[in-house]
Structures are given as C-alpha cells and as structure tokens.
Amino acid sequence: MSLPRFPFNTAISAGLLAVFATGITVGALPLLAQSEDPAPSDKAPITTTVQVASPSGTAQMVSPLDLVKSPEDYLKANVVFDGTFTSFSNLGLDYPKAERDGNDYITVLIRRPDVAHHTIPLAELKLFLSRKDSDSIQDLESGDDVRIEGTVFSAALGDPWVDITAIKITQKAKLEGKS
C-alpha cells in the first residue's frame, strides 16, 4: 500500500503530525496545550472585606474579579480596587439603562488580573469617568498600575457599572527603550 502524494515534503508533514499528536511545544507556543489548572475545589474562595479611607469618605476594598462575580452585592457601595490600565473606550456609553452619555463620559478599561501573559481588558467591569475630571488622567498610559475608587450605580446585564470618583497612578509602566 502506498501513501498518497502531497505537494509538500512528506517528512515535514510527518514531523508536524507527530508534533500535533504529542502536544510538543514549538518555539514558545504550546500546541494542544492542556489546562494546568488544579482540580476544582469544593471550598469557596476566601474574600476579605477591608474598609479604607478615601477622598470621598469610606470605601470597601474589593478585587475587580469579585466585583464582576457578584455586582449586586456591591450595588450603591463605594469601592476601591487596584488594576492595570489598558485603554480608554466608549464601551457601555449611551446604553439606556446606564444613562451615561458619550459626550459627558469616557470608559476606562483595566487588564484582567487572572490573565498574566496577555493584555486582555476586563470588559465586564464598566468604569465611567466624567469628562470634566479628565485632567486627573492626562498622564495615564497603557500598563500603568492604578487605584480606582468609585460607586457601583448599576448591575445592568449582570455587570458592575461604576462611576469613578478617584483614580490614582500607583506605578508608571516600564516602557521598553526607556530607563
């Protein structure tokens, strides 16, 4: 029995087939990567609530992922969380239930804290900053670590919608080529 002829080198195709079949890493990209997450646990995650002094009074320190997981639990609450700024956007603006006009607000996106090797925005967390307060963010660059304080004003679509009352750069991003 003869093998069918292919217009490319069969030795290379056989090698690639072996790579795909075994999940060998080629360069830095794993092929057929398997999850390295530990087995699911029956234990609930431990959440710590800390009240912190803030410019607008007292706010609850919270993880952005906890806020996204249970937005109703934080409705009407003043919250503070740390994140890494990724970009400005118009995400969520002009949505009727949020009542945030794109002429008066901008959306701030932070990086998903549960993804380390890529910059993926935490788009489920809707962060609105009044354009009147935009002077406070004129030095903000992608990759800057920030502390954000705000009030959760809605849980529309199952997402937290937060009016930013304060944003502070806690560490500037290290830009390549600059020291």
C-alpha atoms as a PDB file:
ATOM      1  CA  MET A   1       0.000   0.000   0.000  1.00  0.00           C
ATOM      2  CA  SER A   2       1.448   3.335  -0.975  1.00  0.00           C
ATOM      3  CA  LEU A   3       0.844   6.640   0.729  1.00  0.00           C
ATOM      4  CA  PRO A   4      -0.839   9.402  -1.248  1.00  0.00           C
ATOM      5  CA  ARG A   5       1.491  12.030  -2.673  1.00  0.00           C
ATOM      6  CA  PHE A   6       1.273  15.522  -1.265  1.00  0.00           C
ATOM      7  CA  PRO A   7       2.602  18.703  -2.873  1.00  0.00           C
ATOM      8  CA  PHE A   8       4.806  19.313   0.177  1.00  0.00           C
ATOM      9  CA  ASN A   9       7.616  17.445   1.833  1.00  0.00           C
ATOM     10  CA  THR A  10       6.172  14.315   3.482  1.00  0.00           C
ATOM     11  CA  ALA A  11       8.984  14.185   6.021  1.00  0.00           C
ATOM     12  CA  ILE A  12       7.978  17.638   7.239  1.00  0.00           C
ATOM     13  CA  SER A  13       4.286  16.752   7.282  1.00  0.00           C
ATOM     14  CA  ALA A  14       5.011  13.539   9.206  1.00  0.00           C
ATOM     15  CA  GLY A  15       7.048  15.560  11.707  1.00  0.00           C
ATOM     16  CA  LEU A  16       4.252  18.089  12.124  1.00  0.00           C
ATOM     17  CA  LEU A  17       1.761  15.280  12.573  1.00  0.00           C
ATOM     18  CA  ALA A  18       3.945  13.864  15.342  1.00  0.00           C
ATOM     19  CA  VAL A  19       4.150  17.306  16.975  1.00  0.00           C
ATOM     20  CA  PHE A  20       0.380  17.774  16.865  1.00  0.00           C
ATOM     21  CA  ALA A  21      -0.241  14.282  18.166  1.00  0.00           C
ATOM     22  CA  THR A  22       2.092  14.638  21.159  1.00  0.00           C
ATOM     23  CA  GLY A  23       1.440  18.257  22.124  1.00  0.00           C
ATOM     24  CA  ILE A  24       5.135  19.167  21.912  1.00  0.00           C
ATOM     25  CA  THR A  25       5.987  22.827  22.319  1.00  0.00           C
ATOM     26  CA  VAL A  26       7.286  24.504  19.183  1.00  0.00           C
ATOM     27  CA  GLY A  27       9.078  27.745  19.967  1.00  0.00           C
ATOM     28  CA  ALA A  28       7.150  29.454  22.761  1.00  0.00           C
ATOM     29  CA  LEU A  29       3.707  28.280  21.647  1.00  0.00           C
ATOM     30  CA  PRO A  30       2.391  25.022  23.081  1.00  0.00           C
ATOM     31  CA  LEU A  31       0.402  23.006  20.594  1.00  0.00           C
ATOM     32  CA  LEU A  32      -2.610  21.198  22.011  1.00  0.00           C
ATOM     33  CA  ALA A  33      -1.940  22.847  25.354  1.00  0.00           C
ATOM     34  CA  GLN A  34      -3.651  21.198  28.253  1.00  0.00           C
ATOM     35  CA  SER A  35      -5.058  23.025  31.226  1.00  0.00           C
ATOM     36  CA  GLU A  36      -2.624  23.366  34.085  1.00  0.00           C
ATOM     37  CA  ASP A  37      -5.337  24.461  36.496  1.00  0.00           C
ATOM     38  CA  PRO A  38      -5.569  22.402  39.648  1.00  0.00           C
ATOM     39  CA  ALA A  39      -8.567  20.160  40.129  1.00  0.00           C
ATOM     40  CA  PRO A  40     -11.696  22.057  41.150  1.00  0.00           C
ATOM     41  CA  SER A  41     -12.111  22.506  44.864  1.00  0.00           C
ATOM     42  CA  ASP A  42     -15.279  22.262  46.918  1.00  0.00           C
ATOM     43  CA  LYS A  43     -14.061  25.148  49.068  1.00  0.00           C
ATOM     44  CA  ALA A  44     -15.444  28.608  48.437  1.00  0.00           C
ATOM     45  CA  PRO A  45     -12.869  31.333  47.734  1.00  0.00           C
ATOM     46  CA  ILE A  46     -11.904  33.421  50.736  1.00  0.00           C
ATOM     47  CA  THR A  47     -12.935  37.040  50.359  1.00  0.00           C
ATOM     48  CA  THR A  48     -11.693  39.721  52.700  1.00  0.00           C
ATOM     49  CA  THR A  49     -13.558  42.987  53.105  1.00  0.00           C
ATOM     50  CA  VAL A  50     -11.462  45.950  54.156  1.00  0.00           C
ATOM     51  CA  GLN A  51     -12.767  49.459  54.697  1.00  0.00           C
ATOM     52  CA  VAL A  52     -10.278  52.087  53.573  1.00  0.00           C
ATOM     53  CA  ALA A  53     -10.188  55.848  53.968  1.00  0.00           C
ATOM     54  CA  SER A  54     -10.746  57.521  50.641  1.00  0.00           C
ATOM     55  CA  PRO A  55     -11.088  61.060  49.290  1.00  0.00           C
ATOM     56  CA  SER A  56     -14.883  60.685  49.260  1.00  0.00           C
ATOM     57  CA  GLY A  57     -15.210  59.038  52.684  1.00  0.00           C
ATOM     58  CA  THR A  58     -15.032  55.325  53.412  1.00  0.00           C
ATOM     59  CA  ALA A  59     -14.890  52.732  50.654  1.00  0.00           C
ATOM     60  CA  GLN A  60     -14.749  48.959  50.549  1.00  0.00           C
ATOM     61  CA  MET A  61     -11.519  47.433  49.164  1.00  0.00           C
ATOM     62  CA  VAL A  62     -12.520  44.770  46.639  1.00  0.00           C
ATOM     63  CA  SER A  63     -10.961  42.608  43.946  1.00  0.00           C
ATOM     64  CA  PRO A  64     -12.102  43.537  40.416  1.00  0.00           C
ATOM     65  CA  LEU A  65     -12.926  39.854  39.813  1.00  0.00           C
ATOM     66  CA  ASP A  66     -15.090  39.696  42.963  1.00  0.00           C
ATOM     67  CA  LEU A  67     -16.884  42.817  41.776  1.00  0.00           C
ATOM     68  CA  VAL A  68     -17.550  41.208  38.390  1.00  0.00           C
ATOM     69  CA  LYS A  69     -18.598  37.921  40.003  1.00  0.00           C
ATOM     70  CA  SER A  70     -21.234  39.496  42.288  1.00  0.00           C
ATOM     71  CA  PRO A  71     -22.110  43.020  41.142  1.00  0.00           C
ATOM     72  CA  GLU A  72     -25.436  43.047  43.021  1.00  0.00           C
ATOM     73  CA  ASP A  73     -23.554  42.625  46.317  1.00  0.00           C
ATOM     74  CA  TYR A  74     -21.833  45.982  45.755  1.00  0.00           C
ATOM     75  CA  LEU A  75     -24.757  47.968  44.339  1.00  0.00           C
ATOM     76  CA  LYS A  76     -24.721  51.570  45.656  1.00  0.00           C
ATOM     77  CA  ALA A  77     -21.447  50.833  47.519  1.00  0.00           C
ATOM     78  CA  ASN A  78     -18.260  52.878  47.381  1.00  0.00           C
ATOM     79  CA  VAL A  79     -15.492  50.529  46.275  1.00  0.00           C
ATOM     80  CA  VAL A  80     -11.731  50.742  45.831  1.00  0.00           C
ATOM     81  CA  PHE A  81      -9.642  48.335  43.754  1.00  0.00           C
ATOM     82  CA  ASP A  82      -6.262  48.096  42.090  1.00  0.00           C
ATOM     83  CA  GLY A  83      -5.714  47.294  38.451  1.00  0.00           C
ATOM     84  CA  THR A  84      -3.556  47.880  35.409  1.00  0.00           C
ATOM     85  CA  PHE A  85      -4.865  50.439  32.945  1.00  0.00           C
ATOM     86  CA  THR A  86      -5.187  49.178  29.364  1.00  0.00           C
ATOM     87  CA  SER A  87      -7.119  51.802  27.403  1.00  0.00           C
ATOM     88  CA  PHE A  88      -9.944  54.259  27.077  1.00  0.00           C
ATOM     89  CA  SER A  89     -13.094  53.163  25.299  1.00  0.00           C
ATOM     90  CA  ASN A  90     -16.706  54.001  24.574  1.00  0.00           C
ATOM     91  CA  LEU A  91     -17.833  50.618  25.952  1.00  0.00           C
ATOM     92  CA  GLY A  92     -21.200  50.898  27.683  1.00  0.00           C
ATOM     93  CA  LEU A  93     -21.697  54.554  26.873  1.00  0.00           C
ATOM     94  CA  ASP A  94     -25.151  55.586  25.678  1.00  0.00           C
ATOM     95  CA  TYR A  95     -26.673  52.327  26.958  1.00  0.00           C
ATOM     96  CA  PRO A  96     -30.157  53.453  28.120  1.00  0.00           C
ATOM     97  CA  LYS A  97     -30.105  51.610  31.472  1.00  0.00           C
ATOM     98  CA  ALA A  98     -26.696  53.049  32.397  1.00  0.00           C
ATOM     99  CA  GLU A  99     -27.618  56.625  31.480  1.00  0.00           C
ATOM    100  CA  ARG A 100     -24.028  57.665  30.739  1.00  0.00           C
ATOM    101  CA  ASP A 101     -23.830  59.918  27.702  1.00  0.00           C
ATOM    102  CA  GLY A 102     -20.761  59.536  25.492  1.00  0.00           C
ATOM    103  CA  ASN A 103     -20.499  63.321  25.296  1.00  0.00           C
ATOM    104  CA  ASP A 104     -20.082  63.588  29.068  1.00  0.00           C
ATOM    105  CA  TYR A 105     -18.191  60.379  29.999  1.00  0.00           C
ATOM    106  CA  ILE A 106     -15.353  58.159  28.885  1.00  0.00           C
ATOM    107  CA  THR A 107     -14.877  54.497  29.739  1.00  0.00           C
ATOM    108  CA  VAL A 108     -11.686  53.240  31.383  1.00  0.00           C
ATOM    109  CA  LEU A 109     -10.592  49.637  30.899  1.00  0.00           C
ATOM    110  CA  ILE A 110      -8.256  47.683  33.159  1.00  0.00           C
ATOM    111  CA  ARG A 111      -6.435  44.423  32.474  1.00  0.00           C
ATOM    112  CA  ARG A 112      -7.960  41.117  33.554  1.00  0.00           C
ATOM    113  CA  PRO A 113      -5.979  40.220  36.681  1.00  0.00           C
ATOM    114  CA  ASP A 114      -6.456  36.491  36.064  1.00  0.00           C
ATOM    115  CA  VAL A 115      -4.567  36.546  32.734  1.00  0.00           C
ATOM    116  CA  ALA A 116      -0.828  37.064  33.088  1.00  0.00           C
ATOM    117  CA  HIS A 117       0.734  36.674  29.647  1.00  0.00           C
ATOM    118  CA  HIS A 118      -1.634  38.761  27.535  1.00  0.00           C
ATOM    119  CA  THR A 119      -3.287  42.137  27.808  1.00  0.00           C
ATOM    120  CA  ILE A 120      -6.973  41.303  27.888  1.00  0.00           C
ATOM    121  CA  PRO A 121      -9.321  44.006  29.180  1.00  0.00           C
ATOM    122  CA  LEU A 122     -11.784  43.229  31.953  1.00  0.00           C
ATOM    123  CA  ALA A 123     -14.642  44.417  29.758  1.00  0.00           C
ATOM    124  CA  GLU A 124     -17.298  43.137  32.164  1.00  0.00           C
ATOM    125  CA  LEU A 125     -16.313  45.915  34.577  1.00  0.00           C
ATOM    126  CA  LYS A 126     -17.781  49.138  33.201  1.00  0.00           C
ATOM    127  CA  LEU A 127     -15.795  52.097  34.575  1.00  0.00           C
ATOM    128  CA  PHE A 128     -17.019  55.601  33.761  1.00  0.00           C
ATOM    129  CA  LEU A 129     -15.105  58.820  34.256  1.00  0.00           C
ATOM    130  CA  SER A 130     -16.702  62.206  33.770  1.00  0.00           C
ATOM    131  CA  ARG A 131     -15.011  64.192  31.007  1.00  0.00           C
ATOM    132  CA  LYS A 132     -14.943  67.099  33.491  1.00  0.00           C
ATOM    133  CA  ASP A 133     -12.496  65.029  35.570  1.00  0.00           C
ATOM    134  CA  SER A 134     -10.305  64.014  32.636  1.00  0.00           C
ATOM    135  CA  ASP A 135      -7.443  66.243  33.865  1.00  0.00           C
ATOM    136  CA  SER A 136      -6.766  63.581  36.502  1.00  0.00           C
ATOM    137  CA  ILE A 137      -5.878  61.036  33.796  1.00  0.00           C
ATOM    138  CA  GLN A 138      -3.868  63.062  31.307  1.00  0.00           C
ATOM    139  CA  ASP A 139      -0.658  61.190  32.243  1.00  0.00           C
ATOM    140  CA  LEU A 140      -2.276  57.737  32.159  1.00  0.00           C
ATOM    141  CA  GLU A 141      -0.585  55.233  29.809  1.00  0.00           C
ATOM    142  CA  SER A 142      -1.320  51.615  28.990  1.00  0.00           C
ATOM    143  CA  GLY A 143       0.361  49.387  31.567  1.00  0.00           C
ATOM    144  CA  ASP A 144       0.195  51.906  34.432  1.00  0.00           C
ATOM    145  CA  ASP A 145      -0.904  50.408  37.743  1.00  0.00           C
ATOM    146  CA  VAL A 146      -3.833  52.361  39.139  1.00  0.00           C
ATOM    147  CA  ARG A 147      -6.026  52.521  42.210  1.00  0.00           C
ATOM    148  CA  ILE A 148      -9.621  53.293  41.320  1.00  0.00           C
ATOM    149  CA  GLU A 149     -12.341  54.429  43.660  1.00  0.00           C
ATOM    150  CA  GLY A 150     -15.932  54.607  42.600  1.00  0.00           C
ATOM    151  CA  THR A 151     -19.582  53.935  43.283  1.00  0.00           C
ATOM    152  CA  VAL A 152     -21.364  50.935  41.780  1.00  0.00           C
ATOM    153  CA  PHE A 153     -24.507  52.535  40.356  1.00  0.00           C
ATOM    154  CA  SER A 154     -25.929  49.618  38.364  1.00  0.00           C
ATOM    155  CA  ALA A 155     -25.733  45.884  37.793  1.00  0.00           C
ATOM    156  CA  ALA A 156     -27.373  46.014  34.342  1.00  0.00           C
ATOM    157  CA  LEU A 157     -26.672  42.984  32.136  1.00  0.00           C
ATOM    158  CA  GLY A 158     -25.186  41.249  35.189  1.00  0.00           C
ATOM    159  CA  ASP A 159     -22.107  43.529  35.089  1.00  0.00           C
ATOM    160  CA  PRO A 160     -20.930  46.147  37.589  1.00  0.00           C
ATOM    161  CA  TRP A 161     -21.259  49.729  36.312  1.00  0.00           C
ATOM    162  CA  VAL A 162     -19.049  52.082  38.314  1.00  0.00           C
ATOM    163  CA  ASP A 163     -18.792  55.877  38.403  1.00  0.00           C
ATOM    164  CA  ILE A 164     -15.130  56.653  39.084  1.00  0.00           C
ATOM    165  CA  THR A 165     -14.718  59.216  41.857  1.00  0.00           C
ATOM    166  CA  ALA A 166     -10.919  58.998  42.061  1.00  0.00           C
ATOM    167  CA  ILE A 167      -8.165  57.405  40.033  1.00  0.00           C
ATOM    168  CA  LYS A 168      -4.528  57.432  41.051  1.00  0.00           C
ATOM    169  CA  ILE A 169      -1.457  56.073  39.271  1.00  0.00           C
ATOM    170  CA  THR A 170       0.351  53.872  41.789  1.00  0.00           C
ATOM    171  CA  GLN A 171       3.176  52.860  39.442  1.00  0.00           C
ATOM    172  CA  LYS A 172       4.065  54.018  35.946  1.00  0.00           C
ATOM    173  CA  ALA A 173       4.530  51.371  33.268  1.00  0.00           C
ATOM    174  CA  LYS A 174       8.081  50.486  32.360  1.00  0.00           C
ATOM    175  CA  LEU A 175       8.351  51.409  28.705  1.00  0.00           C
ATOM    176  CA  GLU A 176      10.776  49.471  26.505  1.00  0.00           C
ATOM    177  CA  GLY A 177      13.785  51.503  25.438  1.00  0.00           C
ATOM    178  CA  LYS A 178      13.454  53.933  28.349  1.00  0.00           C
ATOM    179  CA  SER A 179      15.056  53.652  31.736  1.00  0.00           C
END
